[in-house]
Amino acid sequence: MKLKESELEVLRVLYELDRPSTTRDIFDVIVKERAINQTTVNTVVSGMVKKGALEVIEERRPSTYVPKKSVRQIYDAHLKQAAARLFGKQKGLVMKLLFGKQKPADIEEAKKLLEEMD
């Protein structure tokens, strides 16, 4: 799931608050950091619900929201996307070097790639 900067900001706030939160709760945190409108937060949160990034808890009024994925899951997904953009065909090797067990051949291939970049 690809998230925009504003969506990542909402997730960061929800992780910091560490509880089901209303759009007003989210707005109150963000507005202390930068100028933003409540309607903008509402729009971003609504889009995130449609994308499946947030779960709505509707038994409370007003509705509250919680992230559907952990910080680690979001981090891993964005790291993989960044690796794909930066390294293209070599994405598999880079991900293996970052997260998997490395074989000597993998390390040598990585060294060659780095030398080519110089």
N, C-alpha and C. Protein backbone atom coordinates (compact mmCIF):
# COMPACT_ATOMS: atom_id res chain seq x y z
N MET A 1 0.84 -1.17 0.00
CA MET A 1 0.00 0.00 0.00
C MET A 1 0.90 1.24 0.00
N LYS A 2 0.72 2.05 -1.00
CA LYS A 2 1.53 3.26 -1.11
C LYS A 2 0.80 4.40 -0.41
N LEU A 3 1.49 5.05 0.51
CA LEU A 3 0.89 6.14 1.29
C LEU A 3 1.57 7.46 0.97
N LYS A 4 0.77 8.50 0.93
CA LYS A 4 1.27 9.85 0.70
C LYS A 4 1.86 10.40 1.99
N GLU A 5 2.58 11.49 1.86
CA GLU A 5 3.22 12.13 3.02
C GLU A 5 2.18 12.50 4.09
N SER A 6 1.05 13.05 3.67
CA SER A 6 0.01 13.45 4.63
C SER A 6 -0.59 12.23 5.34
N GLU A 7 -0.68 11.11 4.63
CA GLU A 7 -1.20 9.88 5.23
C GLU A 7 -0.20 9.30 6.24
N LEU A 8 1.06 9.37 5.91
CA LEU A 8 2.09 8.93 6.85
C LEU A 8 2.07 9.81 8.10
N GLU A 9 1.80 11.09 7.92
CA GLU A 9 1.71 12.00 9.06
C GLU A 9 0.56 11.60 9.99
N VAL A 10 -0.59 11.25 9.41
CA VAL A 10 -1.74 10.81 10.21
C VAL A 10 -1.39 9.52 10.96
N LEU A 11 -0.73 8.58 10.27
CA LEU A 11 -0.32 7.34 10.94
C LEU A 11 0.62 7.63 12.10
N ARG A 12 1.58 8.52 11.88
CA ARG A 12 2.52 8.87 12.94
C ARG A 12 1.79 9.38 14.18
N VAL A 13 0.81 10.24 13.96
CA VAL A 13 0.03 10.79 15.07
C VAL A 13 -0.74 9.69 15.77
N LEU A 14 -1.38 8.81 15.00
CA LEU A 14 -2.14 7.73 15.62
C LEU A 14 -1.24 6.79 16.43
N TYR A 15 -0.05 6.51 15.91
CA TYR A 15 0.90 5.67 16.66
C TYR A 15 1.34 6.38 17.94
N GLU A 16 1.55 7.69 17.86
CA GLU A 16 1.95 8.46 19.05
C GLU A 16 0.84 8.49 20.09
N LEU A 17 -0.40 8.70 19.64
CA LEU A 17 -1.52 8.76 20.58
C LEU A 17 -1.80 7.39 21.20
N ASP A 18 -1.54 6.34 20.44
CA ASP A 18 -1.63 4.95 20.93
C ASP A 18 -3.01 4.62 21.52
N ARG A 19 -4.04 5.12 20.86
CA ARG A 19 -5.41 4.82 21.27
C ARG A 19 -6.33 5.15 20.10
N PRO A 20 -7.54 4.58 20.06
CA PRO A 20 -8.48 5.01 19.02
C PRO A 20 -8.69 6.52 19.12
N SER A 21 -8.61 7.20 17.98
CA SER A 21 -8.64 8.67 18.00
C SER A 21 -9.59 9.22 16.96
N THR A 22 -10.18 10.37 17.28
CA THR A 22 -11.06 11.05 16.33
C THR A 22 -10.22 11.90 15.38
N THR A 23 -10.87 12.38 14.32
CA THR A 23 -10.15 13.28 13.42
C THR A 23 -9.76 14.56 14.17
N ARG A 24 -10.56 14.94 15.14
CA ARG A 24 -10.22 16.13 15.95
C ARG A 24 -8.94 15.90 16.76
N ASP A 25 -8.81 14.70 17.34
CA ASP A 25 -7.58 14.36 18.08
C ASP A 25 -6.36 14.48 17.16
N ILE A 26 -6.50 13.95 15.96
CA ILE A 26 -5.40 13.97 14.99
C ILE A 26 -5.08 15.42 14.61
N PHE A 27 -6.13 16.19 14.32
CA PHE A 27 -5.97 17.60 13.97
C PHE A 27 -5.26 18.37 15.08
N ASP A 28 -5.67 18.15 16.31
CA ASP A 28 -5.08 18.88 17.45
C ASP A 28 -3.58 18.67 17.56
N VAL A 29 -3.09 17.49 17.20
CA VAL A 29 -1.65 17.23 17.24
C VAL A 29 -0.95 17.91 16.05
N ILE A 30 -1.50 17.71 14.86
CA ILE A 30 -0.84 18.23 13.65
C ILE A 30 -0.82 19.76 13.64
N VAL A 31 -1.90 20.39 14.08
CA VAL A 31 -1.97 21.86 14.01
C VAL A 31 -0.93 22.51 14.92
N LYS A 32 -0.44 21.79 15.91
CA LYS A 32 0.64 22.32 16.76
C LYS A 32 1.98 22.33 16.00
N GLU A 33 2.07 21.53 14.96
CA GLU A 33 3.31 21.40 14.20
C GLU A 33 3.31 22.24 12.92
N ARG A 34 2.13 22.41 12.33
CA ARG A 34 2.04 23.17 11.08
C ARG A 34 0.60 23.60 10.85
N ALA A 35 0.43 24.56 9.96
CA ALA A 35 -0.91 25.06 9.64
C ALA A 35 -1.65 24.00 8.82
N ILE A 36 -2.86 23.69 9.25
CA ILE A 36 -3.68 22.70 8.55
C ILE A 36 -5.13 22.95 8.94
N ASN A 37 -6.05 22.58 8.06
CA ASN A 37 -7.47 22.72 8.33
C ASN A 37 -8.05 21.39 8.80
N GLN A 38 -9.06 21.46 9.64
CA GLN A 38 -9.75 20.25 10.10
C GLN A 38 -10.31 19.47 8.91
N THR A 39 -10.82 20.18 7.91
CA THR A 39 -11.40 19.50 6.74
C THR A 39 -10.34 18.71 5.97
N THR A 40 -9.11 19.20 5.97
CA THR A 40 -8.02 18.48 5.32
C THR A 40 -7.76 17.16 6.04
N VAL A 41 -7.72 17.21 7.36
CA VAL A 41 -7.52 15.98 8.14
C VAL A 41 -8.68 15.01 7.87
N ASN A 42 -9.90 15.51 7.85
CA ASN A 42 -11.06 14.65 7.58
C ASN A 42 -10.93 13.97 6.22
N THR A 43 -10.49 14.72 5.21
CA THR A 43 -10.35 14.19 3.86
C THR A 43 -9.26 13.12 3.80
N VAL A 44 -8.13 13.39 4.44
CA VAL A 44 -7.02 12.43 4.46
C VAL A 44 -7.45 11.14 5.16
N VAL A 45 -8.08 11.27 6.31
CA VAL A 45 -8.52 10.10 7.07
C VAL A 45 -9.54 9.30 6.27
N SER A 46 -10.47 9.98 5.63
CA SER A 46 -11.48 9.30 4.81
C SER A 46 -10.83 8.49 3.69
N GLY A 47 -9.85 9.09 3.03
CA GLY A 47 -9.12 8.39 1.97
C GLY A 47 -8.37 7.18 2.50
N MET A 48 -7.82 7.31 3.69
CA MET A 48 -7.07 6.20 4.29
C MET A 48 -7.99 5.03 4.65
N VAL A 49 -9.22 5.35 5.06
CA VAL A 49 -10.20 4.30 5.35
C VAL A 49 -10.53 3.56 4.05
N LYS A 50 -10.73 4.31 2.95
CA LYS A 50 -11.03 3.70 1.65
C LYS A 50 -9.89 2.82 1.17
N LYS A 51 -8.65 3.24 1.42
CA LYS A 51 -7.47 2.47 1.03
C LYS A 51 -7.26 1.23 1.90
N GLY A 52 -7.90 1.22 3.06
CA GLY A 52 -7.71 0.10 3.99
C GLY A 52 -6.57 0.31 4.97
N ALA A 53 -6.09 1.54 5.08
CA ALA A 53 -4.99 1.82 6.00
C ALA A 53 -5.47 2.04 7.43
N LEU A 54 -6.74 2.46 7.57
CA LEU A 54 -7.30 2.73 8.89
C LEU A 54 -8.58 1.92 9.08
N GLU A 55 -8.81 1.56 10.32
CA GLU A 55 -10.06 0.90 10.70
C GLU A 55 -10.92 1.92 11.44
N VAL A 56 -12.21 1.94 11.13
CA VAL A 56 -13.14 2.85 11.79
C VAL A 56 -13.82 2.10 12.93
N ILE A 57 -13.84 2.71 14.08
CA ILE A 57 -14.59 2.16 15.21
C ILE A 57 -15.83 3.03 15.34
N GLU A 58 -16.95 2.50 14.84
CA GLU A 58 -18.15 3.32 14.72
C GLU A 58 -19.08 3.23 15.92
N GLU A 59 -18.81 2.30 16.85
CA GLU A 59 -19.72 2.22 17.99
C GLU A 59 -19.60 3.44 18.90
N ARG A 60 -18.56 4.23 18.68
CA ARG A 60 -18.40 5.47 19.43
C ARG A 60 -18.77 6.63 18.52
N ARG A 61 -19.31 7.66 19.10
CA ARG A 61 -19.58 8.88 18.35
C ARG A 61 -18.84 10.01 19.02
N PRO A 62 -18.05 10.79 18.32
CA PRO A 62 -17.77 10.61 16.91
C PRO A 62 -16.91 9.38 16.66
N SER A 63 -16.86 8.97 15.39
CA SER A 63 -16.08 7.78 15.02
C SER A 63 -14.63 7.95 15.41
N THR A 64 -14.01 6.84 15.76
CA THR A 64 -12.57 6.86 16.06
C THR A 64 -11.87 5.95 15.07
N TYR A 65 -10.57 6.14 14.96
CA TYR A 65 -9.78 5.45 13.94
C TYR A 65 -8.54 4.84 14.57
N VAL A 66 -8.15 3.70 14.04
CA VAL A 66 -6.90 3.04 14.44
C VAL A 66 -6.21 2.52 13.18
N PRO A 67 -4.89 2.48 13.19
CA PRO A 67 -4.16 1.93 12.04
C PRO A 67 -4.42 0.43 11.91
N LYS A 68 -4.50 -0.05 10.67
CA LYS A 68 -4.68 -1.48 10.44
C LYS A 68 -3.35 -2.23 10.43
N LYS A 69 -2.26 -1.51 10.26
CA LYS A 69 -0.94 -2.14 10.20
C LYS A 69 -0.03 -1.56 11.28
N SER A 70 0.92 -2.38 11.68
CA SER A 70 1.89 -1.95 12.69
C SER A 70 2.90 -0.99 12.06
N VAL A 71 3.62 -0.30 12.91
CA VAL A 71 4.69 0.59 12.44
C VAL A 71 5.68 -0.21 11.60
N ARG A 72 6.03 -1.38 12.05
CA ARG A 72 7.02 -2.22 11.34
C ARG A 72 6.52 -2.60 9.95
N GLN A 73 5.24 -2.95 9.82
CA GLN A 73 4.69 -3.32 8.52
C GLN A 73 4.73 -2.14 7.55
N ILE A 74 4.40 -0.96 8.05
CA ILE A 74 4.43 0.24 7.20
C ILE A 74 5.87 0.56 6.80
N TYR A 75 6.77 0.49 7.76
CA TYR A 75 8.19 0.76 7.52
C TYR A 75 8.75 -0.20 6.46
N ASP A 76 8.48 -1.48 6.63
CA ASP A 76 8.98 -2.49 5.68
C ASP A 76 8.44 -2.25 4.27
N ALA A 77 7.14 -1.93 4.17
CA ALA A 77 6.54 -1.70 2.86
C ALA A 77 7.17 -0.50 2.17
N HIS A 78 7.42 0.57 2.91
CA HIS A 78 8.02 1.76 2.31
C HIS A 78 9.49 1.54 1.97
N LEU A 79 10.17 0.76 2.76
CA LEU A 79 11.56 0.45 2.45
C LEU A 79 11.65 -0.37 1.16
N LYS A 80 10.75 -1.31 1.00
CA LYS A 80 10.73 -2.12 -0.23
C LYS A 80 10.40 -1.26 -1.44
N GLN A 81 9.45 -0.33 -1.29
CA GLN A 81 9.11 0.58 -2.40
C GLN A 81 10.30 1.46 -2.77
N ALA A 82 10.99 1.97 -1.76
CA ALA A 82 12.15 2.82 -2.01
C ALA A 82 13.26 2.02 -2.70
N ALA A 83 13.48 0.80 -2.27
CA ALA A 83 14.50 -0.05 -2.88
C ALA A 83 14.15 -0.32 -4.34
N ALA A 84 12.89 -0.57 -4.62
CA ALA A 84 12.47 -0.82 -6.00
C ALA A 84 12.71 0.41 -6.88
N ARG A 85 12.40 1.60 -6.35
CA ARG A 85 12.62 2.83 -7.13
C ARG A 85 14.10 3.10 -7.33
N LEU A 86 14.91 2.89 -6.30
CA LEU A 86 16.33 3.21 -6.38
C LEU A 86 17.14 2.18 -7.16
N PHE A 87 16.80 0.91 -7.01
CA PHE A 87 17.67 -0.12 -7.54
C PHE A 87 17.06 -0.95 -8.67
N GLY A 88 15.81 -0.72 -9.00
CA GLY A 88 15.20 -1.40 -10.14
C GLY A 88 15.38 -2.90 -10.10
N LYS A 89 16.06 -3.42 -11.12
CA LYS A 89 16.26 -4.87 -11.25
C LYS A 89 17.05 -5.47 -10.10
N GLN A 90 17.84 -4.66 -9.43
CA GLN A 90 18.67 -5.16 -8.33
C GLN A 90 17.93 -5.16 -6.99
N LYS A 91 16.64 -4.84 -7.01
CA LYS A 91 15.85 -4.75 -5.78
C LYS A 91 15.96 -6.03 -4.95
N GLY A 92 15.86 -7.17 -5.60
CA GLY A 92 15.91 -8.45 -4.87
C GLY A 92 17.21 -8.61 -4.10
N LEU A 93 18.31 -8.27 -4.73
CA LEU A 93 19.61 -8.38 -4.08
C LEU A 93 19.69 -7.42 -2.90
N VAL A 94 19.24 -6.18 -3.10
CA VAL A 94 19.30 -5.18 -2.03
C VAL A 94 18.45 -5.63 -0.84
N MET A 95 17.25 -6.12 -1.10
CA MET A 95 16.38 -6.56 -0.01
C MET A 95 16.99 -7.76 0.72
N LYS A 96 17.61 -8.63 -0.03
CA LYS A 96 18.27 -9.79 0.58
C LYS A 96 19.42 -9.34 1.47
N LEU A 97 20.16 -8.36 1.01
CA LEU A 97 21.28 -7.85 1.81
C LEU A 97 20.79 -7.15 3.08
N LEU A 98 19.67 -6.46 2.96
CA LEU A 98 19.13 -5.74 4.12
C LEU A 98 18.45 -6.66 5.12
N PHE A 99 17.70 -7.64 4.63
CA PHE A 99 16.83 -8.42 5.51
C PHE A 99 17.14 -9.91 5.59
N GLY A 100 17.88 -10.42 4.64
CA GLY A 100 18.09 -11.86 4.62
C GLY A 100 19.49 -12.26 5.01
N LYS A 101 19.73 -13.54 4.92
CA LYS A 101 21.08 -14.05 5.16
C LYS A 101 21.88 -13.89 3.87
N GLN A 102 23.07 -13.34 4.03
CA GLN A 102 23.88 -13.07 2.86
C GLN A 102 24.85 -14.21 2.60
N LYS A 103 24.95 -14.55 1.33
CA LYS A 103 25.95 -15.52 0.89
C LYS A 103 27.14 -14.71 0.37
N PRO A 104 28.32 -15.30 0.38
CA PRO A 104 29.49 -14.58 -0.15
C PRO A 104 29.26 -14.05 -1.57
N ALA A 105 28.56 -14.81 -2.40
CA ALA A 105 28.30 -14.37 -3.77
C ALA A 105 27.44 -13.11 -3.80
N ASP A 106 26.47 -13.02 -2.86
CA ASP A 106 25.62 -11.83 -2.78
C ASP A 106 26.44 -10.61 -2.40
N ILE A 107 27.35 -10.79 -1.48
CA ILE A 107 28.19 -9.68 -1.02
C ILE A 107 29.10 -9.22 -2.16
N GLU A 108 29.66 -10.15 -2.90
CA GLU A 108 30.51 -9.80 -4.03
C GLU A 108 29.73 -9.05 -5.10
N GLU A 109 28.51 -9.49 -5.39
CA GLU A 109 27.67 -8.81 -6.37
C GLU A 109 27.36 -7.39 -5.91
N ALA A 110 27.10 -7.22 -4.63
CA ALA A 110 26.82 -5.89 -4.09
C ALA A 110 28.05 -4.99 -4.22
N LYS A 111 29.21 -5.55 -3.95
CA LYS A 111 30.45 -4.77 -4.08
C LYS A 111 30.63 -4.29 -5.52
N LYS A 112 30.36 -5.18 -6.48
CA LYS A 112 30.48 -4.80 -7.90
C LYS A 112 29.51 -3.68 -8.25
N LEU A 113 28.28 -3.77 -7.74
CA LEU A 113 27.30 -2.71 -8.00
C LEU A 113 27.78 -1.39 -7.43
N LEU A 114 28.32 -1.41 -6.23
CA LEU A 114 28.80 -0.19 -5.62
C LEU A 114 29.97 0.40 -6.39
N GLU A 115 30.86 -0.46 -6.88
CA GLU A 115 31.99 0.02 -7.67
C GLU A 115 31.51 0.66 -8.96
N GLU A 116 30.45 0.09 -9.58
CA GLU A 116 29.90 0.65 -10.81
C GLU A 116 29.29 2.01 -10.57
N MET A 117 28.77 2.23 -9.36
CA MET A 117 28.13 3.51 -9.02
C MET A 117 29.16 4.63 -8.85
N ASP A 118 30.40 4.29 -8.51
CA ASP A 118 31.45 5.30 -8.30
C ASP A 118 31.86 5.95 -9.55
